[in-house]
Amino acid sequence: MSLKSRIVSITMGIIIVIGAGSIIYVWLSFRNLTKSEVERVGVTITTVFSRQASKPLIEDDFASLNSLVDETKRLSKDISYILVIDKEGKAVAHTFTKIPPNLMSVKSVPSNKKYSVATVKVDGNTVYDVGVPILGGTLGVARIGFTQKFLMQYLKGMVRGMMISIVVILLIGVFAGLYTARSISQPILHLVDVTERISMGEADVSIDIHSKDEIGKLAESIRRMAASIKIAMKRLT
C-alpha cells in the first residue's frame, strides 16, 4: 500500500471509530436516561391517579372511575394502558378490549414499597408497568404502562442526524487526507527519483523542495550529498 493510501485509510479509520463510538455512547446514555425518565414520570402520574381513583372505588362509582381512566390515558402518548385492580385481584377498570394474560400475572406492589416497576411485553413493545397501591393497598392497586416508543423515535432521529454528520465529516476527512497525503508523498517521491538518479551517476540534479520541515531537511541533506559527489567526481577526472 502506498503512503498516500495509508494516510487516507488512517484518516478514514480514525473518523469512523470516533463517529461509531460517539453514536454508541449517545445511544446507551440516552436509553438509560429514557428509562429513568419514564420511571420518574410514570411513578408521579400513577401516584396521582391512584389518589384520584380512591374516591370512585369507595363509592363504587365505576362510571367516574372509567372517566378518570380515559382522561389519564390522554395525558401522554407514552401511556400504553391503565389498569385498576381491586383488593380481590379483579380488574375493575382498564383501557383494554381484552386484558393480556401476562399483565394479570405481574407481581403486586410489596407491602413495604410505595410503588413497583416491572418490564412487560404488550403488543410486541417493551412497557414499564408502574404499580401504586390505592389507599395503602386497602382498595387495590393502580397500574399504568409506559412505553418508550415515542422517546426512542426521537433517539433514532438524533442518531440518524449524527450519522449524516459523520458521513459529511468522513468526506471532508477523505479530501483532507488526500491533500495531506499528496503534500507528503509528492516531495518524497521526488526525493526518491533524485536519489535514484544520483545513484546512477547523475550529480547535476535539481531538487525543487525548499520547505523547513523534516522533508525540507532531508532535501537539503541530499543536495549536500549531491554536491559532495559532484566534487569527488571532478577530482577523479
Protein backbone atom coordinates (compact mmCIF):
# COMPACT_ATOMS: atom_id res chain seq x y z
CA MET A 1 0.00 0.00 0.00
CA SER A 2 1.34 3.42 -0.95
CA LEU A 3 1.99 6.16 1.60
CA LYS A 4 -0.86 8.18 0.14
CA SER A 5 -3.31 5.29 0.54
CA ARG A 6 -2.11 4.66 4.09
CA ILE A 7 -2.68 8.26 5.17
CA VAL A 8 -6.18 8.31 3.67
CA SER A 9 -7.02 4.94 5.26
CA ILE A 10 -5.78 6.04 8.69
CA THR A 11 -7.75 9.30 8.45
CA MET A 12 -10.94 7.47 7.47
CA GLY A 13 -10.39 4.83 10.18
CA ILE A 14 -9.98 7.44 12.92
CA ILE A 15 -13.12 9.29 11.83
CA ILE A 16 -15.17 6.07 11.62
CA VAL A 17 -14.00 4.83 15.05
CA ILE A 18 -14.67 8.18 16.74
CA GLY A 19 -18.04 8.51 15.00
CA ALA A 20 -19.16 4.97 15.84
CA GLY A 21 -18.02 5.38 19.44
CA SER A 22 -19.94 8.64 19.74
CA ILE A 23 -23.14 7.07 18.38
CA ILE A 24 -22.88 4.07 20.74
CA TYR A 25 -22.19 6.32 23.73
CA VAL A 26 -25.13 8.61 22.94
CA TRP A 27 -27.44 5.64 22.29
CA LEU A 28 -26.61 3.90 25.59
CA SER A 29 -26.67 7.13 27.61
CA PHE A 30 -29.99 8.19 26.16
CA ARG A 31 -31.52 4.74 26.72
CA ASN A 32 -30.53 4.84 30.40
CA LEU A 33 -31.80 8.40 30.69
CA THR A 34 -35.04 7.44 28.96
CA LYS A 35 -35.61 4.54 31.35
CA SER A 36 -35.01 6.76 34.39
CA GLU A 37 -37.25 9.48 33.00
CA VAL A 38 -40.06 7.03 32.18
CA GLU A 39 -39.90 5.62 35.71
CA ARG A 40 -39.78 9.07 37.31
CA VAL A 41 -42.70 10.47 35.33
CA GLY A 42 -44.55 7.14 35.49
CA VAL A 43 -44.47 6.95 39.29
CA THR A 44 -45.70 10.55 39.57
CA ILE A 45 -48.60 10.05 37.17
CA THR A 46 -49.59 6.70 38.67
CA THR A 47 -49.44 8.06 42.24
CA VAL A 48 -51.72 10.97 41.34
CA PHE A 49 -54.07 8.59 39.52
CA SER A 50 -54.24 6.19 42.48
CA ARG A 51 -55.24 9.04 44.80
CA GLN A 52 -57.94 10.24 42.43
CA ALA A 53 -59.21 6.68 41.95
CA SER A 54 -59.75 6.07 45.68
CA LYS A 55 -62.98 8.09 45.93
CA PRO A 56 -64.80 6.39 42.98
CA LEU A 57 -63.72 2.99 44.35
CA ILE A 58 -65.03 3.76 47.85
CA GLU A 59 -68.34 4.95 46.38
CA ASP A 60 -68.48 2.13 43.79
CA ASP A 61 -68.80 4.86 41.17
CA PHE A 62 -67.35 2.96 38.22
CA ALA A 63 -68.63 5.48 35.68
CA SER A 64 -66.44 8.17 37.28
CA LEU A 65 -63.58 5.70 37.56
CA ASN A 66 -63.71 4.84 33.86
CA SER A 67 -63.94 8.54 33.02
CA LEU A 68 -60.80 9.12 35.12
CA VAL A 69 -59.07 6.26 33.30
CA ASP A 70 -59.87 7.79 29.89
CA GLU A 71 -58.74 11.27 30.97
CA THR A 72 -55.46 9.97 32.36
CA LYS A 73 -54.79 7.91 29.23
CA ARG A 74 -54.94 11.10 27.16
CA LEU A 75 -52.26 12.79 29.26
CA SER A 76 -49.34 11.31 27.34
CA LYS A 77 -48.67 9.36 24.16
CA ASP A 78 -46.27 7.25 26.20
CA ILE A 79 -49.11 5.80 28.30
CA SER A 80 -49.75 2.35 26.85
CA TYR A 81 -52.56 1.29 29.20
CA ILE A 82 -54.23 1.85 32.56
CA LEU A 83 -55.39 -0.98 34.78
CA VAL A 84 -57.20 -0.74 38.13
CA ILE A 85 -57.25 -3.93 40.21
CA ASP A 86 -59.32 -4.13 43.39
CA LYS A 87 -58.24 -5.80 46.65
CA GLU A 88 -59.62 -9.18 45.46
CA GLY A 89 -57.34 -9.04 42.40
CA LYS A 90 -60.15 -8.30 39.94
CA ALA A 91 -59.73 -5.74 37.14
CA VAL A 92 -62.47 -3.13 37.69
CA ALA A 93 -61.34 -0.55 35.13
CA HIS A 94 -58.90 -0.60 32.22
CA THR A 95 -58.18 0.63 28.70
CA PHE A 96 -58.05 -2.79 27.02
CA THR A 97 -60.56 -4.51 24.79
CA LYS A 98 -59.15 -7.70 26.29
CA ILE A 99 -56.58 -7.68 29.09
CA PRO A 100 -53.37 -9.55 28.11
CA PRO A 101 -52.93 -12.56 30.44
CA ASN A 102 -49.31 -11.67 31.25
CA LEU A 103 -50.39 -8.36 32.83
CA MET A 104 -52.54 -10.07 35.43
CA SER A 105 -49.58 -12.23 36.45
CA VAL A 106 -47.37 -9.24 37.28
CA LYS A 107 -46.45 -9.27 40.96
CA SER A 108 -48.36 -6.85 43.16
CA VAL A 109 -46.67 -3.96 44.98
CA PRO A 110 -44.83 -5.25 48.09
CA SER A 111 -46.34 -4.04 51.36
CA ASN A 112 -43.10 -2.24 52.30
CA LYS A 113 -42.93 -0.32 48.99
CA LYS A 114 -44.74 2.78 47.78
CA TYR A 115 -44.61 1.62 44.18
CA SER A 116 -43.22 -1.07 41.89
CA VAL A 117 -41.86 -1.03 38.35
CA ALA A 118 -41.89 -4.13 36.15
CA THR A 119 -40.96 -4.65 32.49
CA VAL A 120 -43.63 -6.39 30.41
CA LYS A 121 -44.39 -7.01 26.74
CA VAL A 122 -47.59 -5.58 25.27
CA ASP A 123 -48.29 -5.97 21.54
CA GLY A 124 -44.62 -6.68 20.96
CA ASN A 125 -43.46 -3.49 22.67
CA THR A 126 -41.49 -3.20 25.91
CA VAL A 127 -43.59 -1.43 28.53
CA TYR A 128 -42.73 -0.26 32.04
CA ASP A 129 -45.60 -1.30 34.29
CA VAL A 130 -45.79 1.11 37.24
CA GLY A 131 -47.95 -0.02 40.14
CA VAL A 132 -49.04 2.17 43.09
CA PRO A 133 -51.28 0.96 45.96
CA ILE A 134 -54.66 2.70 46.24
CA LEU A 135 -55.22 3.99 49.76
CA GLY A 136 -52.30 1.96 51.08
CA GLY A 137 -53.46 -1.14 49.24
CA THR A 138 -56.81 -1.40 51.05
CA LEU A 139 -58.66 -0.65 47.80
CA GLY A 140 -56.31 -2.44 45.42
CA VAL A 141 -53.63 -1.16 43.08
CA ALA A 142 -53.42 1.24 40.15
CA ARG A 143 -51.16 0.19 37.31
CA ILE A 144 -50.14 2.27 34.32
CA GLY A 145 -47.95 1.05 31.47
CA PHE A 146 -45.46 3.46 29.92
CA THR A 147 -43.79 2.79 26.59
CA GLN A 148 -40.53 4.20 25.22
CA LYS A 149 -41.89 4.23 21.69
CA PHE A 150 -42.03 7.98 21.10
CA LEU A 151 -38.86 8.69 23.08
CA MET A 152 -37.00 6.02 21.13
CA GLN A 153 -38.24 7.52 17.86
CA TYR A 154 -36.69 10.80 18.97
CA LEU A 155 -33.46 8.97 19.82
CA LYS A 156 -33.38 7.27 16.41
CA GLY A 157 -33.87 10.64 14.72
CA MET A 158 -30.99 12.09 16.72
CA VAL A 159 -28.70 9.14 15.87
CA ARG A 160 -29.69 9.44 12.20
CA GLY A 161 -28.67 13.09 12.28
CA MET A 162 -25.35 12.15 13.87
CA MET A 163 -24.71 9.55 11.18
CA ILE A 164 -25.31 12.12 8.47
CA SER A 165 -22.88 14.46 10.24
CA ILE A 166 -20.30 11.66 10.45
CA VAL A 167 -20.66 10.94 6.71
CA VAL A 168 -20.10 14.63 5.96
CA ILE A 169 -17.08 14.71 8.30
CA LEU A 170 -15.81 11.49 6.68
CA LEU A 171 -15.98 13.06 3.21
CA ILE A 172 -14.19 16.16 4.49
CA GLY A 173 -11.64 13.87 6.14
CA VAL A 174 -11.08 11.97 2.89
CA PHE A 175 -10.38 15.18 0.98
CA ALA A 176 -8.19 16.44 3.83
CA GLY A 177 -6.37 13.09 3.89
CA LEU A 178 -5.87 13.17 0.12
CA TYR A 179 -4.49 16.70 0.32
CA THR A 180 -2.19 15.78 3.22
CA ALA A 181 -1.08 12.57 1.52
CA ARG A 182 -0.34 14.42 -1.69
CA SER A 183 1.62 17.15 0.11
CA ILE A 184 3.74 14.47 1.81
CA SER A 185 4.03 11.81 -0.88
CA GLN A 186 4.93 14.09 -3.80
CA PRO A 187 8.08 15.53 -2.18
CA ILE A 188 9.11 12.06 -1.02
CA LEU A 189 8.58 10.57 -4.48
CA HIS A 190 10.59 13.47 -5.90
CA LEU A 191 13.45 12.75 -3.47
CA VAL A 192 13.31 9.05 -4.32
CA ASP A 193 13.67 9.93 -8.02
CA VAL A 194 16.55 12.29 -7.22
CA THR A 195 18.46 9.71 -5.16
CA GLU A 196 18.00 7.09 -7.89
CA ARG A 197 19.40 9.50 -10.49
CA ILE A 198 22.33 10.34 -8.21
CA SER A 199 23.00 6.63 -7.68
CA MET A 200 23.18 6.27 -11.48
CA GLY A 201 25.94 8.90 -11.60
CA GLU A 202 23.89 11.99 -12.39
CA ALA A 203 25.27 14.60 -9.97
CA ASP A 204 23.66 17.71 -11.50
CA VAL A 205 20.18 17.05 -10.18
CA SER A 206 17.73 19.82 -9.32
CA ILE A 207 15.84 19.37 -6.03
CA ASP A 208 12.73 21.55 -6.02
CA ILE A 209 11.94 21.30 -2.32
CA HIS A 210 12.55 24.28 -0.04
CA SER A 211 10.32 23.66 2.95
CA LYS A 212 11.63 23.97 6.51
CA ASP A 213 10.12 20.76 7.83
CA GLU A 214 11.69 17.28 8.05
CA ILE A 215 11.26 16.71 4.30
CA GLY A 216 12.99 20.03 3.63
CA LYS A 217 15.89 18.96 5.88
CA LEU A 218 16.10 15.65 4.01
CA ALA A 219 16.17 17.53 0.69
CA GLU A 220 18.97 19.75 1.96
CA SER A 221 20.97 16.70 3.03
CA ILE A 222 20.55 15.16 -0.43
CA ARG A 223 21.69 18.48 -2.01
CA ARG A 224 24.84 18.39 0.09
CA MET A 225 25.38 14.75 -0.79
CA ALA A 226 24.93 15.50 -4.48
CA ALA A 227 27.39 18.41 -4.22
CA SER A 228 29.92 16.21 -2.45
CA ILE A 229 29.58 13.51 -5.10
CA LYS A 230 29.98 16.14 -7.84
CA ILE A 231 33.19 17.45 -6.25
CA ALA A 232 34.52 13.91 -5.80
CA MET A 233 33.79 13.09 -9.45
CA LYS A 234 35.65 16.22 -10.61
CA ARG A 235 38.68 15.25 -8.53
CA LEU A 236 38.67 11.80 -10.03
CA THR A 237 38.61 13.19 -13.54
